Amino acid sequence: MNPWWLGSGTAIFLIGHAFYRAMLRSGRVADRLVAAVCVVPLGLVTSFAGWAAMAAVMVVLGVVAAIDHRLATRGLT
């Protein structure tokens, strides 16, 4: 399996979600775009430790969710 699939697939999801939010004007888009750029290189980690790559991707997605939650509770979205 190609090691880029994990990072690229997650990045495509984040870019699609950013596009969806931009069309609806329902919040910040920059967080998802930055996360998409950060996730792509994590695919290389799968060549020697698949669990580490999955954990790193989950950390990035968790940070994006935490930022969204924090901004939503403050009314900044």
Protein backbone atom coordinates (compact mmCIF):
# COMPACT_ATOMS: atom_id res chain seq x y z
CA MET A 1 0.00 0.00 0.00
CA ASN A 2 1.19 3.49 -0.80
CA PRO A 3 2.30 5.35 2.37
CA TRP A 4 0.88 8.65 1.09
CA TRP A 5 -2.73 7.43 1.18
CA LEU A 6 -3.28 8.05 4.88
CA GLY A 7 -2.09 11.65 4.83
CA SER A 8 -3.54 12.49 1.42
CA GLY A 9 -6.94 10.99 2.19
CA THR A 10 -7.22 12.91 5.42
CA ALA A 11 -6.07 16.10 3.68
CA ILE A 12 -8.71 15.66 0.97
CA PHE A 13 -11.35 15.25 3.68
CA LEU A 14 -10.19 18.41 5.47
CA ILE A 15 -10.09 20.45 2.23
CA GLY A 16 -13.58 19.24 1.33
CA HIS A 17 -14.86 20.15 4.77
CA ALA A 18 -13.24 23.58 4.51
CA PHE A 19 -14.89 24.12 1.12
CA TYR A 20 -18.26 23.05 2.55
CA ARG A 21 -17.94 25.44 5.49
CA ALA A 22 -16.86 28.25 3.18
CA MET A 23 -19.90 27.74 0.98
CA LEU A 24 -22.21 27.78 4.01
CA ARG A 25 -20.27 30.59 5.68
CA SER A 26 -20.47 28.63 8.89
CA GLY A 27 -17.11 29.17 10.49
CA ARG A 28 -13.40 29.41 10.01
CA VAL A 29 -11.80 27.62 7.09
CA ALA A 30 -8.12 28.32 7.76
CA ASP A 31 -7.87 25.75 10.56
CA ARG A 32 -8.79 22.92 8.21
CA LEU A 33 -6.47 24.10 5.47
CA VAL A 34 -3.52 24.29 7.86
CA ALA A 35 -4.36 20.84 9.21
CA ALA A 36 -4.55 19.47 5.65
CA VAL A 37 -1.02 20.70 4.97
CA CYS A 38 0.22 19.23 8.26
CA VAL A 39 -1.35 15.81 7.70
CA VAL A 40 0.10 15.01 4.25
CA PRO A 41 3.69 14.33 5.43
CA LEU A 42 2.40 12.03 8.15
CA GLY A 43 1.75 9.43 5.48
CA LEU A 44 5.49 8.77 5.30
CA VAL A 45 5.46 7.57 8.90
CA THR A 46 3.34 4.58 7.83
CA SER A 47 6.38 3.06 6.12
CA PHE A 48 7.95 2.19 9.50
CA ALA A 49 5.21 2.61 12.12
CA GLY A 50 1.61 2.57 10.99
CA TRP A 51 0.25 3.04 14.49
CA ALA A 52 2.35 6.19 14.98
CA ALA A 53 1.02 7.69 11.76
CA MET A 54 -2.57 6.96 12.77
CA ALA A 55 -1.96 8.46 16.19
CA ALA A 56 -0.45 11.61 14.67
CA VAL A 57 -3.39 12.02 12.28
CA MET A 58 -5.82 11.61 15.17
CA VAL A 59 -3.92 14.26 17.16
CA VAL A 60 -4.19 16.73 14.26
CA LEU A 61 -7.92 16.05 13.86
CA GLY A 62 -8.41 16.34 17.62
CA VAL A 63 -6.67 19.72 17.68
CA VAL A 64 -8.91 20.98 14.87
CA ALA A 65 -12.01 19.78 16.76
CA ALA A 66 -10.80 21.38 20.00
CA ILE A 67 -10.17 24.72 18.28
CA ASP A 68 -13.65 24.61 16.73
CA HIS A 69 -15.24 23.80 20.08
CA ARG A 70 -13.36 26.54 21.90
CA LEU A 71 -14.26 29.16 19.28
CA ALA A 72 -17.90 28.04 19.16
CA THR A 73 -18.30 28.32 22.93
CA ARG A 74 -16.86 31.83 22.84
CA GLY A 75 -19.11 32.79 19.92
CA LEU A 76 -16.18 33.56 17.61
CA THR A 77 -17.11 31.31 14.66
